[in-house]
C-alpha atoms as a PDB file:
ATOM      1  CA  MET A   1       6.950 -31.337  -6.326  1.00  0.00           C
ATOM      2  CA  THR A   2       9.081 -29.965  -3.509  1.00  0.00           C
ATOM      3  CA  ASN A   3      11.615 -27.262  -3.372  1.00  0.00           C
ATOM      4  CA  SER A   4      14.582 -26.161  -1.245  1.00  0.00           C
ATOM      5  CA  LYS A   5      13.469 -22.609  -1.155  1.00  0.00           C
ATOM      6  CA  GLU A   6      11.473 -22.097   2.033  1.00  0.00           C
ATOM      7  CA  ALA A   7      10.398 -20.281   5.130  1.00  0.00           C
ATOM      8  CA  LEU A   8       9.499 -16.626   4.826  1.00  0.00           C
ATOM      9  CA  TRP A   9       6.473 -14.583   5.991  1.00  0.00           C
ATOM     10  CA  THR A  10       4.996 -11.110   5.688  1.00  0.00           C
ATOM     11  CA  ASP A  11       2.932  -9.078   8.023  1.00  0.00           C
ATOM     12  CA  ILE A  12      -0.528  -7.679   7.272  1.00  0.00           C
ATOM     13  CA  HIS A  13      -1.933  -5.716  10.243  1.00  0.00           C
ATOM     14  CA  PRO A  14      -5.613  -4.608  10.638  1.00  0.00           C
ATOM     15  CA  GLU A  15      -4.800  -1.167  12.015  1.00  0.00           C
ATOM     16  CA  ALA A  16      -5.406   1.849   9.741  1.00  0.00           C
ATOM     17  CA  ILE A  17      -6.209  -0.298   6.780  1.00  0.00           C
ATOM     18  CA  PRO A  18      -6.783   1.734   3.587  1.00  0.00           C
ATOM     19  CA  ALA A  19      -9.823   0.976   1.373  1.00  0.00           C
ATOM     20  CA  ILE A  20      -7.921  -1.398  -0.936  1.00  0.00           C
ATOM     21  CA  ALA A  21      -6.699  -3.483   2.005  1.00  0.00           C
ATOM     22  CA  GLU A  22     -10.229  -3.732   3.411  1.00  0.00           C
ATOM     23  CA  LYS A  23     -11.016  -5.845   0.330  1.00  0.00           C
ATOM     24  CA  LYS A  24      -8.522  -8.533   1.178  1.00  0.00           C
ATOM     25  CA  LEU A  25      -9.229 -12.034  -0.126  1.00  0.00           C
ATOM     26  CA  THR A  26      -7.159 -15.011   0.948  1.00  0.00           C
ATOM     27  CA  LYS A  27      -7.446 -18.670   0.212  1.00  0.00           C
ATOM     28  CA  GLN A  28      -5.289 -21.693   0.910  1.00  0.00           C
ATOM     29  CA  TYR A  29      -4.673 -24.678  -1.334  1.00  0.00           C
ATOM     30  CA  TYR A  30      -2.353 -27.719  -1.325  1.00  0.00           C
ATOM     31  CA  GLY A  31       0.012 -28.296  -4.162  1.00  0.00           C
ATOM     32  CA  LEU A  32       3.701 -28.571  -5.106  1.00  0.00           C
ATOM     33  CA  GLY A  33       4.102 -30.604  -1.919  1.00  0.00           C
ATOM     34  CA  THR A  34       3.257 -27.716   0.397  1.00  0.00           C
ATOM     35  CA  THR A  35       0.518 -25.340   1.599  1.00  0.00           C
ATOM     36  CA  ILE A  36      -0.122 -22.544  -0.930  1.00  0.00           C
ATOM     37  CA  THR A  37      -1.562 -19.216   0.276  1.00  0.00           C
ATOM     38  CA  LEU A  38      -2.871 -16.742  -2.320  1.00  0.00           C
ATOM     39  CA  THR A  39      -3.961 -13.243  -1.364  1.00  0.00           C
ATOM     40  CA  THR A  40      -5.377 -10.332  -3.333  1.00  0.00           C
ATOM     41  CA  PHE A  41      -6.352  -6.804  -2.411  1.00  0.00           C
ATOM     42  CA  GLY A  42      -8.969  -4.699  -4.005  1.00  0.00           C
ATOM     43  CA  ALA A  43     -12.007  -5.598  -6.118  1.00  0.00           C
ATOM     44  CA  THR A  44     -11.095  -9.302  -6.801  1.00  0.00           C
ATOM     45  CA  THR A  45     -13.090 -12.506  -6.657  1.00  0.00           C
ATOM     46  CA  GLU A  46     -12.531 -15.988  -5.462  1.00  0.00           C
ATOM     47  CA  SER A  47     -12.365 -17.110  -9.109  1.00  0.00           C
ATOM     48  CA  ASP A  48      -9.159 -15.065  -9.426  1.00  0.00           C
ATOM     49  CA  LEU A  49      -7.577 -17.178  -6.722  1.00  0.00           C
ATOM     50  CA  ASP A  50      -9.016 -20.418  -8.122  1.00  0.00           C
ATOM     51  CA  ALA A  51      -7.632 -19.608 -11.543  1.00  0.00           C
ATOM     52  CA  ALA A  52      -4.191 -19.210 -10.093  1.00  0.00           C
ATOM     53  CA  ASN A  53      -4.431 -22.503  -8.268  1.00  0.00           C
ATOM     54  CA  ASP A  54      -5.627 -24.206 -11.523  1.00  0.00           C
ATOM     55  CA  LEU A  55      -2.433 -22.763 -13.152  1.00  0.00           C
ATOM     56  CA  ILE A  56      -0.311 -24.212 -10.326  1.00  0.00           C
ATOM     57  CA  ALA A  57      -1.893 -27.638 -10.805  1.00  0.00           C
ATOM     58  CA  ARG A  58      -1.339 -27.483 -14.550  1.00  0.00           C
ATOM     59  CA  PHE A  59       2.354 -26.715 -14.184  1.00  0.00           C
ATOM     60  CA  GLU A  60       2.796 -29.350 -11.496  1.00  0.00           C
ATOM     61  CA  ASP A  61       1.340 -31.885 -13.907  1.00  0.00           C
ATOM     62  CA  LEU A  62       3.868 -30.843 -16.507  1.00  0.00           C
ATOM     63  CA  LEU A  63       7.033 -30.357 -14.358  1.00  0.00           C
ATOM     64  CA  THR A  64       6.935 -32.755 -11.407  1.00  0.00           C
ATOM     65  CA  VAL A  65       9.422 -35.527 -11.009  1.00  0.00           C
ATOM     66  CA  ASN A  66       7.625 -36.965  -7.940  1.00  0.00           C
ATOM     67  CA  ARG A  67       5.027 -38.837 -10.101  1.00  0.00           C
ATOM     68  CA  PRO A  68       5.579 -41.482 -12.720  1.00  0.00           C
ATOM     69  CA  GLU A  69       4.124 -39.291 -15.439  1.00  0.00           C
ATOM     70  CA  SER A  70       4.764 -35.670 -16.538  1.00  0.00           C
ATOM     71  CA  GLU A  71       6.450 -34.004 -19.470  1.00  0.00           C
ATOM     72  CA  VAL A  72       9.704 -33.868 -17.567  1.00  0.00           C
ATOM     73  CA  MET A  73       9.419 -37.524 -16.551  1.00  0.00           C
ATOM     74  CA  GLU A  74       8.830 -38.495 -20.131  1.00  0.00           C
ATOM     75  CA  VAL A  75      12.252 -36.884 -20.920  1.00  0.00           C
ATOM     76  CA  ASN A  76      13.777 -38.748 -18.013  1.00  0.00           C
ATOM     77  CA  HIS A  77      12.296 -42.098 -18.951  1.00  0.00           C
ATOM     78  CA  ALA A  78      13.874 -41.742 -22.443  1.00  0.00           C
ATOM     79  CA  ALA A  79      17.371 -41.003 -21.131  1.00  0.00           C
ATOM     80  CA  GLY A  80      20.023 -42.663 -23.227  1.00  0.00           C
ATOM     81  CA  HIS A  81      17.493 -43.791 -25.916  1.00  0.00           C
ATOM     82  CA  ARG A  82      15.715 -40.854 -27.641  1.00  0.00           C
ATOM     83  CA  ALA A  83      14.871 -37.196 -27.700  1.00  0.00           C
ATOM     84  CA  VAL A  84      11.483 -36.111 -26.363  1.00  0.00           C
ATOM     85  CA  GLN A  85       9.430 -33.173 -27.640  1.00  0.00           C
ATOM     86  CA  VAL A  86       7.900 -31.022 -24.945  1.00  0.00           C
ATOM     87  CA  SER A  87       5.544 -28.103 -24.839  1.00  0.00           C
ATOM     88  CA  ASN A  88       6.761 -24.573 -25.347  1.00  0.00           C
ATOM     89  CA  GLY A  89       6.755 -23.394 -21.735  1.00  0.00           C
ATOM     90  CA  VAL A  90       8.418 -26.579 -20.480  1.00  0.00           C
ATOM     91  CA  TYR A  91      11.129 -26.361 -23.183  1.00  0.00           C
ATOM     92  CA  ALA A  92      11.841 -22.754 -22.282  1.00  0.00           C
ATOM     93  CA  LEU A  93      12.155 -23.563 -18.619  1.00  0.00           C
ATOM     94  CA  ILE A  94      14.402 -26.551 -19.252  1.00  0.00           C
ATOM     95  CA  LYS A  95      16.573 -24.502 -21.577  1.00  0.00           C
ATOM     96  CA  ARG A  96      17.022 -21.785 -18.925  1.00  0.00           C
ATOM     97  CA  ALA A  97      17.821 -24.513 -16.378  1.00  0.00           C
ATOM     98  CA  VAL A  98      20.419 -26.110 -18.570  1.00  0.00           C
ATOM     99  CA  GLU A  99      22.067 -22.747 -19.392  1.00  0.00           C
ATOM    100  CA  ILE A 100      22.363 -21.908 -15.674  1.00  0.00           C
ATOM    101  CA  SER A 101      23.603 -25.434 -14.845  1.00  0.00           C
ATOM    102  CA  ARG A 102      26.473 -25.159 -17.350  1.00  0.00           C
ATOM    103  CA  LEU A 103      27.802 -22.160 -15.465  1.00  0.00           C
ATOM    104  CA  HIS A 104      28.596 -24.488 -12.584  1.00  0.00           C
ATOM    105  CA  LEU A 105      27.693 -22.009  -9.844  1.00  0.00           C
ATOM    106  CA  GLY A 106      25.729 -24.467  -7.826  1.00  0.00           C
ATOM    107  CA  PHE A 107      22.399 -25.040  -9.458  1.00  0.00           C
ATOM    108  CA  ASN A 108      22.356 -28.201 -11.642  1.00  0.00           C
ATOM    109  CA  THR A 109      19.185 -29.413 -13.274  1.00  0.00           C
ATOM    110  CA  ALA A 110      20.811 -32.780 -14.017  1.00  0.00           C
ATOM    111  CA  ILE A 111      21.135 -33.536 -10.281  1.00  0.00           C
ATOM    112  CA  GLY A 112      18.013 -35.761 -10.231  1.00  0.00           C
ATOM    113  CA  PRO A 113      19.806 -39.123  -9.770  1.00  0.00           C
ATOM    114  CA  LEU A 114      21.581 -37.805  -6.611  1.00  0.00           C
ATOM    115  CA  VAL A 115      18.312 -36.318  -5.280  1.00  0.00           C
ATOM    116  CA  LYS A 116      16.569 -39.657  -5.646  1.00  0.00           C
ATOM    117  CA  LEU A 117      19.486 -41.560  -4.151  1.00  0.00           C
ATOM    118  CA  TRP A 118      19.513 -39.526  -0.921  1.00  0.00           C
ATOM    119  CA  LYS A 119      15.716 -38.959  -0.814  1.00  0.00           C
ATOM    120  CA  ILE A 120      16.147 -36.250   1.866  1.00  0.00           C
ATOM    121  CA  GLY A 121      12.745 -34.992   2.842  1.00  0.00           C
ATOM    122  CA  PHE A 122      11.065 -38.046   1.433  1.00  0.00           C
ATOM    123  CA  ASP A 123      10.207 -41.522   2.707  1.00  0.00           C
ATOM    124  CA  GLY A 124      13.181 -43.838   2.484  1.00  0.00           C
ATOM    125  CA  ALA A 125      15.821 -41.107   3.056  1.00  0.00           C
ATOM    126  CA  GLN A 126      19.264 -42.741   3.467  1.00  0.00           C
ATOM    127  CA  LEU A 127      22.955 -42.227   3.723  1.00  0.00           C
ATOM    128  CA  PRO A 128      24.276 -43.676   0.450  1.00  0.00           C
ATOM    129  CA  THR A 129      27.506 -45.578   0.043  1.00  0.00           C
ATOM    130  CA  GLN A 130      30.420 -43.901  -1.740  1.00  0.00           C
ATOM    131  CA  ALA A 131      30.039 -46.423  -4.554  1.00  0.00           C
ATOM    132  CA  GLN A 132      26.375 -45.388  -5.072  1.00  0.00           C
ATOM    133  CA  ILE A 133      27.349 -41.712  -5.032  1.00  0.00           C
ATOM    134  CA  ASP A 134      30.103 -42.282  -7.534  1.00  0.00           C
ATOM    135  CA  GLU A 135      27.753 -44.079  -9.882  1.00  0.00           C
ATOM    136  CA  ARG A 136      25.402 -41.130  -9.868  1.00  0.00           C
ATOM    137  CA  LEU A 137      28.167 -38.538 -10.236  1.00  0.00           C
ATOM    138  CA  ALA A 138      28.882 -40.096 -13.637  1.00  0.00           C
ATOM    139  CA  ILE A 139      25.467 -39.089 -14.911  1.00  0.00           C
ATOM    140  CA  VAL A 140      24.832 -35.592 -13.508  1.00  0.00           C
ATOM    141  CA  ASP A 141      26.755 -33.546 -16.029  1.00  0.00           C
ATOM    142  CA  PRO A 142      24.545 -30.867 -17.722  1.00  0.00           C
ATOM    143  CA  ALA A 143      26.794 -30.987 -20.745  1.00  0.00           C
ATOM    144  CA  ASN A 144      25.082 -34.319 -21.565  1.00  0.00           C
ATOM    145  CA  ILE A 145      21.730 -32.623 -22.084  1.00  0.00           C
ATOM    146  CA  GLU A 146      21.043 -32.009 -25.771  1.00  0.00           C
ATOM    147  CA  LEU A 147      18.498 -29.364 -26.702  1.00  0.00           C
ATOM    148  CA  ASN A 148      16.918 -28.773 -30.139  1.00  0.00           C
ATOM    149  CA  ASP A 149      15.344 -25.400 -30.374  1.00  0.00           C
ATOM    150  CA  LYS A 150      13.700 -26.108 -33.812  1.00  0.00           C
ATOM    151  CA  ASP A 151      11.835 -29.220 -32.709  1.00  0.00           C
ATOM    152  CA  GLN A 152      11.717 -28.310 -28.940  1.00  0.00           C
ATOM    153  CA  THR A 153      13.153 -31.619 -27.972  1.00  0.00           C
ATOM    154  CA  VAL A 154      15.306 -32.654 -25.004  1.00  0.00           C
ATOM    155  CA  PHE A 155      17.692 -35.573 -25.057  1.00  0.00           C
ATOM    156  CA  LEU A 156      19.540 -36.900 -22.033  1.00  0.00           C
ATOM    157  CA  LYS A 157      22.496 -38.649 -23.641  1.00  0.00           C
ATOM    158  CA  LYS A 158      23.242 -41.133 -20.761  1.00  0.00           C
ATOM    159  CA  GLU A 159      20.881 -43.782 -19.550  1.00  0.00           C
ATOM    160  CA  GLY A 160      19.845 -43.087 -15.916  1.00  0.00           C
ATOM    161  CA  MET A 161      20.086 -39.300 -16.226  1.00  0.00           C
ATOM    162  CA  GLU A 162      17.225 -37.303 -14.817  1.00  0.00           C
ATOM    163  CA  ILE A 163      16.314 -33.635 -15.051  1.00  0.00           C
ATOM    164  CA  ASP A 164      15.006 -32.126 -11.790  1.00  0.00           C
ATOM    165  CA  LEU A 165      13.416 -28.672 -11.992  1.00  0.00           C
ATOM    166  CA  GLY A 166      12.518 -28.511  -8.310  1.00  0.00           C
ATOM    167  CA  GLY A 167      15.154 -25.802  -7.680  1.00  0.00           C
ATOM    168  CA  ILE A 168      13.420 -23.329 -10.000  1.00  0.00           C
ATOM    169  CA  ALA A 169       9.870 -24.539 -10.650  1.00  0.00           C
ATOM    170  CA  LYS A 170       8.169 -22.612  -7.803  1.00  0.00           C
ATOM    171  CA  GLY A 171       9.777 -19.416  -8.990  1.00  0.00           C
ATOM    172  CA  TYR A 172       8.716 -19.980 -12.523  1.00  0.00           C
ATOM    173  CA  ILE A 173       5.141 -20.759 -11.405  1.00  0.00           C
ATOM    174  CA  ALA A 174       4.981 -17.690  -9.170  1.00  0.00           C
ATOM    175  CA  ASP A 175       6.004 -15.424 -12.045  1.00  0.00           C
ATOM    176  CA  ARG A 176       3.257 -17.002 -14.163  1.00  0.00           C
ATOM    177  CA  ILE A 177       0.678 -16.359 -11.512  1.00  0.00           C
ATOM    178  CA  LYS A 178       1.696 -12.750 -11.373  1.00  0.00           C
ATOM    179  CA  ASP A 179       1.269 -12.598 -15.196  1.00  0.00           C
ATOM    180  CA  LEU A 180      -2.190 -14.172 -14.908  1.00  0.00           C
ATOM    181  CA  TRP A 181      -3.335 -11.748 -12.256  1.00  0.00           C
ATOM    182  CA  ALA A 182      -1.968  -8.768 -14.301  1.00  0.00           C
ATOM    183  CA  ALA A 183      -4.055  -9.978 -17.192  1.00  0.00           C
ATOM    184  CA  ARG A 184      -7.075  -9.907 -14.830  1.00  0.00           C
ATOM    185  CA  GLY A 185      -6.268  -6.413 -13.646  1.00  0.00           C
ATOM    186  CA  ILE A 186      -5.003  -7.464 -10.230  1.00  0.00           C
ATOM    187  CA  ASN A 187      -2.099  -5.257  -9.109  1.00  0.00           C
ATOM    188  CA  SER A 188      -1.910  -5.899  -5.426  1.00  0.00           C
ATOM    189  CA  GLY A 189      -1.416  -9.251  -3.689  1.00  0.00           C
ATOM    190  CA  MET A 190       0.785 -11.985  -2.211  1.00  0.00           C
ATOM    191  CA  ILE A 191       1.740 -15.286  -3.743  1.00  0.00           C
ATOM    192  CA  ASP A 192       3.032 -17.664  -1.114  1.00  0.00           C
ATOM    193  CA  LEU A 193       4.083 -21.011  -2.493  1.00  0.00           C
ATOM    194  CA  GLY A 194       5.037 -22.693   0.763  1.00  0.00           C
ATOM    195  CA  GLY A 195       7.402 -19.937   1.843  1.00  0.00           C
ATOM    196  CA  ASN A 196       8.484 -18.825  -1.585  1.00  0.00           C
ATOM    197  CA  LEU A 197       7.003 -15.287  -1.739  1.00  0.00           C
ATOM    198  CA  LEU A 198       6.126 -12.903  -4.538  1.00  0.00           C
ATOM    199  CA  LEU A 199       4.732  -9.538  -3.437  1.00  0.00           C
ATOM    200  CA  ILE A 200       2.748  -7.568  -5.941  1.00  0.00           C
ATOM    201  CA  GLY A 201       2.164  -3.798  -5.757  1.00  0.00           C
ATOM    202  CA  ALA A 202       2.532  -1.398  -2.820  1.00  0.00           C
ATOM    203  CA  GLN A 203       1.904  -2.842   0.690  1.00  0.00           C
ATOM    204  CA  PRO A 204      -1.672  -1.654   1.295  1.00  0.00           C
ATOM    205  CA  VAL A 205      -1.361  -1.157   5.073  1.00  0.00           C
ATOM    206  CA  HIS A 206       1.800   0.799   5.778  1.00  0.00           C
ATOM    207  CA  PRO A 207       1.831   4.445   4.680  1.00  0.00           C
ATOM    208  CA  ASP A 208       5.227   4.051   2.983  1.00  0.00           C
ATOM    209  CA  GLY A 209       3.881   1.280   0.759  1.00  0.00           C
ATOM    210  CA  ARG A 210       6.826  -1.028   1.655  1.00  0.00           C
ATOM    211  CA  TRP A 211       6.478  -4.615   2.704  1.00  0.00           C
ATOM    212  CA  ARG A 212       7.870  -6.079   5.932  1.00  0.00           C
ATOM    213  CA  VAL A 213       9.288  -9.519   5.383  1.00  0.00           C
ATOM    214  CA  GLY A 214      10.484 -11.874   8.045  1.00  0.00           C
ATOM    215  CA  VAL A 215      13.630 -13.901   7.335  1.00  0.00           C
ATOM    216  CA  GLN A 216      13.232 -17.395   8.962  1.00  0.00           C
ATOM    217  CA  ALA A 217      15.247 -18.105  12.048  1.00  0.00           C
ATOM    218  CA  PRO A 218      17.282 -21.195  11.034  1.00  0.00           C
ATOM    219  CA  LYS A 219      16.743 -23.346  14.131  1.00  0.00           C
ATOM    220  CA  ASP A 220      13.177 -22.346  14.957  1.00  0.00           C
ATOM    221  CA  ARG A 221       9.792 -23.483  13.749  1.00  0.00           C
ATOM    222  CA  ARG A 222       8.326 -22.068  10.581  1.00  0.00           C
ATOM    223  CA  GLY A 223       7.200 -18.423  11.063  1.00  0.00           C
ATOM    224  CA  GLN A 224       9.855 -17.491  13.690  1.00  0.00           C
ATOM    225  CA  ALA A 225      11.976 -14.672  12.243  1.00  0.00           C
ATOM    226  CA  VAL A 226      15.583 -13.701  12.857  1.00  0.00           C
ATOM    227  CA  ALA A 227      15.081 -10.327  11.202  1.00  0.00           C
ATOM    228  CA  ILE A 228      12.583  -8.166   9.407  1.00  0.00           C
ATOM    229  CA  VAL A 229      13.418  -6.492   6.118  1.00  0.00           C
ATOM    230  CA  LYS A 230      11.550  -3.555   4.647  1.00  0.00           C
ATOM    231  CA  THR A 231      11.355  -3.991   0.885  1.00  0.00           C
ATOM    232  CA  GLN A 232       9.720  -2.881  -2.297  1.00  0.00           C
ATOM    233  CA  PRO A 233       7.309  -5.223  -4.121  1.00  0.00           C
ATOM    234  CA  CYS A 234       9.517  -8.249  -5.113  1.00  0.00           C
ATOM    235  CA  SER A 235      10.137 -11.940  -4.924  1.00  0.00           C
ATOM    236  CA  ILE A 236      11.723 -13.316  -1.826  1.00  0.00           C
ATOM    237  CA  VAL A 237      13.312 -16.766  -1.948  1.00  0.00           C
ATOM    238  CA  THR A 238      15.391 -18.631   0.604  1.00  0.00           C
ATOM    239  CA  SER A 239      17.810 -21.580   0.407  1.00  0.00           C
ATOM    240  CA  GLY A 240      18.288 -23.044   3.903  1.00  0.00           C
ATOM    241  CA  ILE A 241      19.635 -26.181   5.481  1.00  0.00           C
ATOM    242  CA  TYR A 242      16.858 -26.431   8.132  1.00  0.00           C
ATOM    243  CA  GLU A 243      13.703 -27.400   6.260  1.00  0.00           C
ATOM    244  CA  ARG A 244      14.695 -30.788   4.940  1.00  0.00           C
ATOM    245  CA  HIS A 245      17.501 -32.853   6.454  1.00  0.00           C
ATOM    246  CA  LEU A 246      18.523 -36.421   7.344  1.00  0.00           C
ATOM    247  CA  ASP A 247      19.839 -37.153  10.867  1.00  0.00           C
ATOM    248  CA  ILE A 248      21.845 -40.370  10.978  1.00  0.00           C
ATOM    249  CA  ASN A 249      24.832 -41.672  12.952  1.00  0.00           C
ATOM    250  CA  GLY A 250      24.949 -38.522  15.014  1.00  0.00           C
ATOM    251  CA  LYS A 251      25.357 -36.227  11.919  1.00  0.00           C
ATOM    252  CA  SER A 252      22.796 -34.078  10.074  1.00  0.00           C
ATOM    253  CA  TYR A 253      22.705 -34.001   6.271  1.00  0.00           C
ATOM    254  CA  HIS A 254      20.718 -31.213   4.589  1.00  0.00           C
ATOM    255  CA  HIS A 255      19.178 -31.456   1.179  1.00  0.00           C
ATOM    256  CA  ILE A 256      21.212 -28.969  -0.817  1.00  0.00           C
ATOM    257  CA  LEU A 257      23.395 -31.360  -2.763  1.00  0.00           C
ATOM    258  CA  ASP A 258      26.661 -30.583  -4.485  1.00  0.00           C
ATOM    259  CA  SER A 259      26.832 -32.265  -7.888  1.00  0.00           C
ATOM    260  CA  LYS A 260      30.614 -32.105  -7.788  1.00  0.00           C
ATOM    261  CA  THR A 261      30.982 -34.258  -4.613  1.00  0.00           C
ATOM    262  CA  GLY A 262      27.630 -35.985  -4.325  1.00  0.00           C
ATOM    263  CA  TYR A 263      27.207 -34.826  -0.752  1.00  0.00           C
ATOM    264  CA  PRO A 264      25.365 -31.852   0.828  1.00  0.00           C
ATOM    265  CA  ARG A 265      27.198 -28.594   0.267  1.00  0.00           C
ATOM    266  CA  SER A 266      29.347 -27.856   3.368  1.00  0.00           C
ATOM    267  CA  ASN A 267      29.990 -24.328   4.620  1.00  0.00           C
ATOM    268  CA  ASN A 268      29.080 -22.046   7.502  1.00  0.00           C
ATOM    269  CA  LEU A 269      25.753 -20.826   6.077  1.00  0.00           C
ATOM    270  CA  ALA A 270      22.374 -21.658   7.492  1.00  0.00           C
ATOM    271  CA  SER A 271      20.439 -19.762   4.818  1.00  0.00           C
ATOM    272  CA  VAL A 272      20.541 -17.228   2.044  1.00  0.00           C
ATOM    273  CA  THR A 273      17.532 -15.085   1.088  1.00  0.00           C
ATOM    274  CA  VAL A 274      17.423 -13.246  -2.184  1.00  0.00           C
ATOM    275  CA  PHE A 275      15.144 -10.308  -3.045  1.00  0.00           C
ATOM    276  CA  SER A 276      14.600  -9.895  -6.753  1.00  0.00           C
ATOM    277  CA  LYS A 277      12.114  -8.761  -9.373  1.00  0.00           C
ATOM    278  CA  TYR A 278      11.505 -12.190 -10.803  1.00  0.00           C
ATOM    279  CA  SER A 279      10.987 -15.216  -8.550  1.00  0.00           C
ATOM    280  CA  ILE A 280      12.857 -17.572 -10.943  1.00  0.00           C
ATOM    281  CA  ASP A 281      15.916 -15.331 -10.558  1.00  0.00           C
ATOM    282  CA  GLY A 282      15.606 -15.599  -6.792  1.00  0.00           C
ATOM    283  CA  GLU A 283      15.607 -19.381  -7.067  1.00  0.00           C
ATOM    284  CA  ILE A 284      18.754 -19.448  -9.163  1.00  0.00           C
ATOM    285  CA  HIS A 285      20.698 -16.882  -7.138  1.00  0.00           C
ATOM    286  CA  THR A 286      19.857 -18.329  -3.735  1.00  0.00           C
ATOM    287  CA  THR A 287      21.548 -21.507  -4.787  1.00  0.00           C
ATOM    288  CA  GLU A 288      24.495 -19.655  -6.308  1.00  0.00           C
ATOM    289  CA  LEU A 289      25.085 -17.629  -3.166  1.00  0.00           C
ATOM    290  CA  PHE A 290      24.510 -20.589  -0.841  1.00  0.00           C
ATOM    291  CA  PHE A 291      27.263 -22.471  -2.698  1.00  0.00           C
ATOM    292  CA  ALA A 292      29.514 -19.377  -2.599  1.00  0.00           C
ATOM    293  CA  GLY A 293      29.138 -19.504   1.213  1.00  0.00           C
ATOM    294  CA  GLU A 294      29.414 -15.763   1.683  1.00  0.00           C
ATOM    295  CA  PRO A 295      28.530 -12.463  -0.024  1.00  0.00           C
ATOM    296  CA  VAL A 296      30.012 -12.314  -3.558  1.00  0.00           C
ATOM    297  CA  LYS A 297      31.856  -9.171  -4.583  1.00  0.00           C
ATOM    298  CA  ASN A 298      29.883  -7.053  -7.031  1.00  0.00           C
ATOM    299  CA  TRP A 299      27.020  -9.541  -6.946  1.00  0.00           C
ATOM    300  CA  GLY A 300      23.880  -7.957  -8.574  1.00  0.00           C
ATOM    301  CA  LEU A 301      25.595  -4.697  -9.482  1.00  0.00           C
ATOM    302  CA  ASP A 302      25.072  -5.324 -13.230  1.00  0.00           C
ATOM    303  CA  ASP A 303      21.537  -6.598 -12.872  1.00  0.00           C
ATOM    304  CA  PRO A 304      18.874  -4.152 -11.796  1.00  0.00           C
ATOM    305  CA  ASP A 305      16.406  -6.971 -11.187  1.00  0.00           C
ATOM    306  CA  LEU A 306      18.470  -8.304  -8.285  1.00  0.00           C
ATOM    307  CA  TYR A 307      17.651  -6.180  -5.222  1.00  0.00           C
ATOM    308  CA  GLY A 308      19.768  -7.782  -2.550  1.00  0.00           C
ATOM    309  CA  ALA A 309      20.473 -10.771  -0.291  1.00  0.00           C
ATOM    310  CA  VAL A 310      20.536 -11.680   3.404  1.00  0.00           C
ATOM    311  CA  PHE A 311      22.913 -14.406   4.632  1.00  0.00           C
ATOM    312  CA  VAL A 312      22.425 -16.121   8.013  1.00  0.00           C
ATOM    313  CA  THR A 313      25.308 -18.174   9.332  1.00  0.00           C
ATOM    314  CA  LYS A 314      25.337 -21.223  11.618  1.00  0.00           C
ATOM    315  CA  ASP A 315      26.972 -19.143  14.327  1.00  0.00           C
ATOM    316  CA  ASN A 316      24.179 -16.489  14.356  1.00  0.00           C
ATOM    317  CA  LYS A 317      25.755 -13.794  12.131  1.00  0.00           C
ATOM    318  CA  ILE A 318      23.779 -11.842   9.572  1.00  0.00           C
ATOM    319  CA  MET A 319      25.453 -10.513   6.438  1.00  0.00           C
ATOM    320  CA  LEU A 320      23.878  -8.164   3.878  1.00  0.00           C
ATOM    321  CA  SER A 321      24.527  -7.748   0.205  1.00  0.00           C
ATOM    322  CA  GLY A 322      22.816  -4.866  -1.668  1.00  0.00           C
ATOM    323  CA  ILE A 323      20.471  -4.224   1.234  1.00  0.00           C
ATOM    324  CA  ASP A 324      20.735  -1.061   3.396  1.00  0.00           C
ATOM    325  CA  GLN A 325      21.259  -2.027   7.023  1.00  0.00           C
ATOM    326  CA  LYS A 326      18.678   0.582   8.085  1.00  0.00           C
ATOM    327  CA  ASP A 327      16.018  -1.451   6.364  1.00  0.00           C
ATOM    328  CA  VAL A 328      16.849  -4.551   8.476  1.00  0.00           C
ATOM    329  CA  THR A 329      15.667  -5.046  12.093  1.00  0.00           C
ATOM    330  CA  VAL A 330      17.168  -7.961  13.993  1.00  0.00           C
ATOM    331  CA  ILE A 331      14.518  -9.378  16.316  1.00  0.00           C
ATOM    332  CA  ALA A 332      16.023 -12.772  17.372  1.00  0.00           C
ATOM    333  CA  PRO A 333      18.247 -12.767  20.530  1.00  0.00           C
ATOM    334  CA  GLY A 334      21.832 -13.648  19.903  1.00  0.00           C
ATOM    335  CA  PHE A 335      21.907 -12.614  16.256  1.00  0.00           C
ATOM    336  CA  GLU A 336      23.815  -9.646  14.916  1.00  0.00           C
ATOM    337  CA  ILE A 337      24.602  -7.973  11.599  1.00  0.00           C
ATOM    338  CA  VAL A 338      28.279  -8.083  10.699  1.00  0.00           C
END
């Protein structure tokens, strides 16, 4: 399972480390198509990290569309023929995905046929013909997904339809890891699902308890930041055009596809990073804001769980929404806040 939300980092420095930070436990795993880094602070054990990784593996088995078999793939295989009953958690996630998709703000869980046509970021990536795109556009309407709350069934009404939860799965899984750790009494740590971050508790190093998060520089290698943001414990998710792309015939095509046109969404943004309480909300809103192409008036004002967003443009401008400029330090030459 891969995801378009990528490329962030946090800093943990050894200087003046309080007692809780001295008990730092970090372990790396591979899953969801990426390197996963789990970190806890305080009196924790390796089994706490392993339990989180087991949870990741379990959800990947249920949600992936990159293997022939999963609960989601069972729904996809039955498209146009029958409804499929899924487990409670999978049904709840699909229902949330469908509800968001029907708002037509960018995220579309029915976009699977287009993703598998382009294959950007996978072997066999290609520039499709217009006829191929038009064929897929006819089967990516979320209105053709039928949900039955009583039986917890999902029915894709047209043959060839495919649900793809890659745009929100990492966020959902990160939130579930936080729940797991809370049940184990862990209240300080970092969940890094390949650049999709969820920060738990006060930062144990800095006296102010705030985390320092690097926002990825769009054209540089992973880990090179354009700016550093001071933030409370939260989720940080980015939608960017630089992680996965197809270069062909002198043109670059990124992987954030527009289900209205069948092509990558075209605007002046290189990335959008959303800071939120819940990681699944960050997933949803990074896509919404990327499609908007610029800060949205009154975005987040009626939702206290949305903390702010950072926009980086292709021409090296940084725009802020809901984030105080004094909490942002630009560190990459040639970039400026506007």
